[in-house]
Amino acid sequence: MLRVSVSLLLSEGHRNAEFYPIAKIWYEAEIVKERVNARISTEVVSLHAAMVAVASPTGKGVAHLEKLLKDLRDG
C-alpha cells in the first residue's frame, strides 16, 4: 500500500514523495485521492451534460452545458 501511495503522489507532482515520512505519505495520498476523485466527478458531469446537449431537440441542453462550462471556468 505504501508503494502505491508513493506512486500516486509521484504521478501528481510530488517529486520527493519517496523521501516523505510515512505519516506524510498517508496524509498527502488522501488529499490527492480526494482531488482526483473530484476531477473524475467533474468530467463525468461534463460528459453527461454534453450528451444531453447533443440529444436535446429543443436546445435547452446546449444552454445548460454552456452554463456548466462557464461555472467551471469562473469557479
N, C-alpha and C. Protein backbone atom coordinates (compact mmCIF):
# COMPACT_ATOMS: atom_id res chain seq x y z
N MET A 1 0.82 -1.19 0.00
CA MET A 1 0.00 0.00 0.00
C MET A 1 0.87 1.27 0.00
N LEU A 2 1.96 1.20 0.72
CA LEU A 2 2.85 2.36 0.78
C LEU A 2 3.42 2.67 -0.59
N ARG A 3 3.81 1.63 -1.32
CA ARG A 3 4.38 1.81 -2.66
C ARG A 3 3.35 2.45 -3.60
N VAL A 4 2.10 2.01 -3.49
CA VAL A 4 1.03 2.56 -4.32
C VAL A 4 0.82 4.03 -3.99
N SER A 5 0.83 4.37 -2.71
CA SER A 5 0.64 5.76 -2.30
C SER A 5 1.77 6.64 -2.80
N VAL A 6 2.99 6.16 -2.72
CA VAL A 6 4.13 6.93 -3.22
C VAL A 6 4.01 7.11 -4.73
N SER A 7 3.61 6.07 -5.45
CA SER A 7 3.43 6.19 -6.89
C SER A 7 2.35 7.21 -7.24
N LEU A 8 1.26 7.19 -6.48
CA LEU A 8 0.19 8.16 -6.68
C LEU A 8 0.71 9.58 -6.49
N LEU A 9 1.45 9.80 -5.42
CA LEU A 9 1.99 11.13 -5.15
C LEU A 9 2.96 11.55 -6.25
N LEU A 10 3.80 10.65 -6.67
CA LEU A 10 4.75 10.98 -7.74
C LEU A 10 4.01 11.35 -9.02
N SER A 11 2.95 10.62 -9.34
CA SER A 11 2.20 10.91 -10.57
C SER A 11 1.46 12.25 -10.50
N GLU A 12 1.23 12.73 -9.29
CA GLU A 12 0.53 14.01 -9.12
C GLU A 12 1.48 15.16 -8.81
N GLY A 13 2.77 14.96 -9.04
CA GLY A 13 3.72 16.06 -8.95
C GLY A 13 4.52 16.18 -7.66
N HIS A 14 4.40 15.22 -6.77
CA HIS A 14 5.21 15.24 -5.54
C HIS A 14 6.55 14.57 -5.86
N ARG A 15 7.50 15.36 -6.33
CA ARG A 15 8.77 14.80 -6.82
C ARG A 15 9.60 14.11 -5.75
N ASN A 16 9.43 14.50 -4.50
CA ASN A 16 10.23 13.92 -3.42
C ASN A 16 9.42 12.99 -2.53
N ALA A 17 8.32 12.48 -3.03
CA ALA A 17 7.41 11.66 -2.21
C ALA A 17 8.11 10.44 -1.61
N GLU A 18 9.06 9.88 -2.32
CA GLU A 18 9.74 8.69 -1.79
C GLU A 18 10.56 9.00 -0.54
N PHE A 19 10.80 10.28 -0.27
CA PHE A 19 11.57 10.66 0.91
C PHE A 19 10.69 11.20 2.03
N TYR A 20 9.37 11.25 1.82
CA TYR A 20 8.45 11.73 2.86
C TYR A 20 8.37 10.73 4.00
N PRO A 21 8.14 11.22 5.21
CA PRO A 21 7.83 10.30 6.31
C PRO A 21 6.52 9.57 6.01
N ILE A 22 6.35 8.39 6.57
CA ILE A 22 5.18 7.56 6.27
C ILE A 22 3.88 8.29 6.57
N ALA A 23 3.80 9.02 7.67
CA ALA A 23 2.57 9.74 8.01
C ALA A 23 2.24 10.79 6.95
N LYS A 24 3.25 11.47 6.44
CA LYS A 24 3.01 12.48 5.41
C LYS A 24 2.56 11.82 4.11
N ILE A 25 3.13 10.67 3.78
CA ILE A 25 2.71 9.94 2.58
C ILE A 25 1.22 9.62 2.68
N TRP A 26 0.80 9.09 3.82
CA TRP A 26 -0.59 8.72 4.01
C TRP A 26 -1.50 9.94 3.89
N TYR A 27 -1.13 11.02 4.60
CA TYR A 27 -1.95 12.23 4.60
C TYR A 27 -2.04 12.86 3.20
N GLU A 28 -0.92 13.00 2.53
CA GLU A 28 -0.90 13.60 1.20
C GLU A 28 -1.63 12.72 0.18
N ALA A 29 -1.51 11.40 0.32
CA ALA A 29 -2.21 10.50 -0.59
C ALA A 29 -3.72 10.64 -0.45
N GLU A 30 -4.20 10.84 0.76
CA GLU A 30 -5.64 11.05 0.98
C GLU A 30 -6.11 12.33 0.28
N ILE A 31 -5.32 13.39 0.38
CA ILE A 31 -5.67 14.65 -0.29
C ILE A 31 -5.68 14.46 -1.80
N VAL A 32 -4.68 13.77 -2.32
CA VAL A 32 -4.60 13.53 -3.77
C VAL A 32 -5.79 12.70 -4.23
N LYS A 33 -6.16 11.67 -3.46
CA LYS A 33 -7.31 10.83 -3.84
C LYS A 33 -8.58 11.67 -3.92
N GLU A 34 -8.78 12.56 -2.95
CA GLU A 34 -9.96 13.43 -2.97
C GLU A 34 -9.95 14.33 -4.21
N ARG A 35 -8.79 14.89 -4.53
CA ARG A 35 -8.68 15.78 -5.68
C ARG A 35 -8.91 15.04 -6.99
N VAL A 36 -8.33 13.85 -7.12
CA VAL A 36 -8.51 13.05 -8.33
C VAL A 36 -9.97 12.62 -8.48
N ASN A 37 -10.59 12.20 -7.40
CA ASN A 37 -12.00 11.79 -7.46
C ASN A 37 -12.89 12.98 -7.82
N ALA A 38 -12.59 14.15 -7.31
CA ALA A 38 -13.36 15.35 -7.67
C ALA A 38 -13.20 15.67 -9.15
N ARG A 39 -11.99 15.51 -9.67
CA ARG A 39 -11.74 15.77 -11.09
C ARG A 39 -12.52 14.77 -11.96
N ILE A 40 -12.52 13.51 -11.56
CA ILE A 40 -13.26 12.49 -12.31
C ILE A 40 -14.75 12.80 -12.27
N SER A 41 -15.26 13.19 -11.12
CA SER A 41 -16.69 13.53 -11.00
C SER A 41 -17.05 14.69 -11.91
N THR A 42 -16.20 15.70 -11.95
CA THR A 42 -16.44 16.86 -12.81
C THR A 42 -16.46 16.44 -14.28
N GLU A 43 -15.55 15.56 -14.66
CA GLU A 43 -15.51 15.08 -16.04
C GLU A 43 -16.77 14.30 -16.39
N VAL A 44 -17.26 13.48 -15.47
CA VAL A 44 -18.48 12.71 -15.72
C VAL A 44 -19.67 13.63 -15.90
N VAL A 45 -19.80 14.61 -15.02
CA VAL A 45 -20.92 15.56 -15.12
C VAL A 45 -20.84 16.33 -16.43
N SER A 46 -19.64 16.73 -16.82
CA SER A 46 -19.47 17.47 -18.07
C SER A 46 -19.82 16.60 -19.28
N LEU A 47 -19.38 15.36 -19.27
CA LEU A 47 -19.70 14.45 -20.38
C LEU A 47 -21.20 14.19 -20.46
N HIS A 48 -21.83 14.02 -19.31
CA HIS A 48 -23.28 13.81 -19.29
C HIS A 48 -24.00 15.02 -19.86
N ALA A 49 -23.59 16.21 -19.45
CA ALA A 49 -24.22 17.44 -19.95
C ALA A 49 -24.01 17.57 -21.46
N ALA A 50 -22.85 17.18 -21.95
CA ALA A 50 -22.59 17.24 -23.39
C ALA A 50 -23.48 16.26 -24.14
N MET A 51 -23.67 15.05 -23.59
CA MET A 51 -24.53 14.07 -24.25
C MET A 51 -25.98 14.55 -24.27
N VAL A 52 -26.43 15.16 -23.18
CA VAL A 52 -27.79 15.70 -23.12
C VAL A 52 -27.94 16.82 -24.14
N ALA A 53 -26.92 17.67 -24.25
CA ALA A 53 -26.97 18.79 -25.20
C ALA A 53 -27.10 18.28 -26.63
N VAL A 54 -26.38 17.21 -26.95
CA VAL A 54 -26.44 16.66 -28.30
C VAL A 54 -27.81 16.02 -28.57
N ALA A 55 -28.36 15.36 -27.56
CA ALA A 55 -29.62 14.63 -27.74
C ALA A 55 -30.85 15.51 -27.57
N SER A 56 -30.69 16.71 -27.04
CA SER A 56 -31.83 17.58 -26.76
C SER A 56 -32.34 18.25 -28.03
N PRO A 57 -33.60 17.99 -28.40
CA PRO A 57 -34.12 18.59 -29.62
C PRO A 57 -34.46 20.09 -29.46
N THR A 58 -34.66 20.55 -28.24
CA THR A 58 -35.09 21.93 -28.04
C THR A 58 -33.94 22.91 -27.88
N GLY A 59 -32.75 22.42 -27.64
CA GLY A 59 -31.61 23.31 -27.46
C GLY A 59 -31.38 23.72 -26.01
N LYS A 60 -32.27 23.29 -25.11
CA LYS A 60 -32.09 23.63 -23.69
C LYS A 60 -30.84 22.96 -23.12
N GLY A 61 -30.51 21.80 -23.65
CA GLY A 61 -29.31 21.10 -23.19
C GLY A 61 -28.05 21.87 -23.49
N VAL A 62 -28.04 22.56 -24.62
CA VAL A 62 -26.86 23.35 -25.00
C VAL A 62 -26.69 24.51 -24.03
N ALA A 63 -27.79 25.14 -23.69
CA ALA A 63 -27.72 26.26 -22.74
C ALA A 63 -27.21 25.77 -21.38
N HIS A 64 -27.69 24.62 -20.97
CA HIS A 64 -27.23 24.05 -19.69
C HIS A 64 -25.74 23.75 -19.73
N LEU A 65 -25.29 23.15 -20.84
CA LEU A 65 -23.87 22.83 -20.99
C LEU A 65 -23.03 24.11 -20.97
N GLU A 66 -23.45 25.12 -21.69
CA GLU A 66 -22.71 26.38 -21.70
C GLU A 66 -22.63 27.00 -20.31
N LYS A 67 -23.73 26.94 -19.55
CA LYS A 67 -23.72 27.48 -18.19
C LYS A 67 -22.79 26.66 -17.30
N LEU A 68 -22.85 25.33 -17.43
CA LEU A 68 -21.98 24.47 -16.64
C LEU A 68 -20.51 24.77 -16.92
N LEU A 69 -20.15 24.88 -18.20
CA LEU A 69 -18.77 25.16 -18.55
C LEU A 69 -18.33 26.55 -18.08
N LYS A 70 -19.23 27.52 -18.17
CA LYS A 70 -18.91 28.86 -17.67
C LYS A 70 -18.66 28.83 -16.16
N ASP A 71 -19.53 28.11 -15.44
CA ASP A 71 -19.36 27.99 -13.99
C ASP A 71 -18.06 27.30 -13.63
N LEU A 72 -17.69 26.28 -14.40
CA LEU A 72 -16.43 25.59 -14.14
C LEU A 72 -15.22 26.49 -14.40
N ARG A 73 -15.29 27.30 -15.45
CA ARG A 73 -14.17 28.21 -15.74
C ARG A 73 -14.07 29.33 -14.72
N ASP A 74 -15.22 29.86 -14.29
CA ASP A 74 -15.21 31.00 -13.37
C ASP A 74 -15.06 30.60 -11.90
N GLY A 75 -15.39 29.35 -11.59
CA GLY A 75 -15.42 28.93 -10.20
C GLY A 75 -14.15 28.32 -9.79
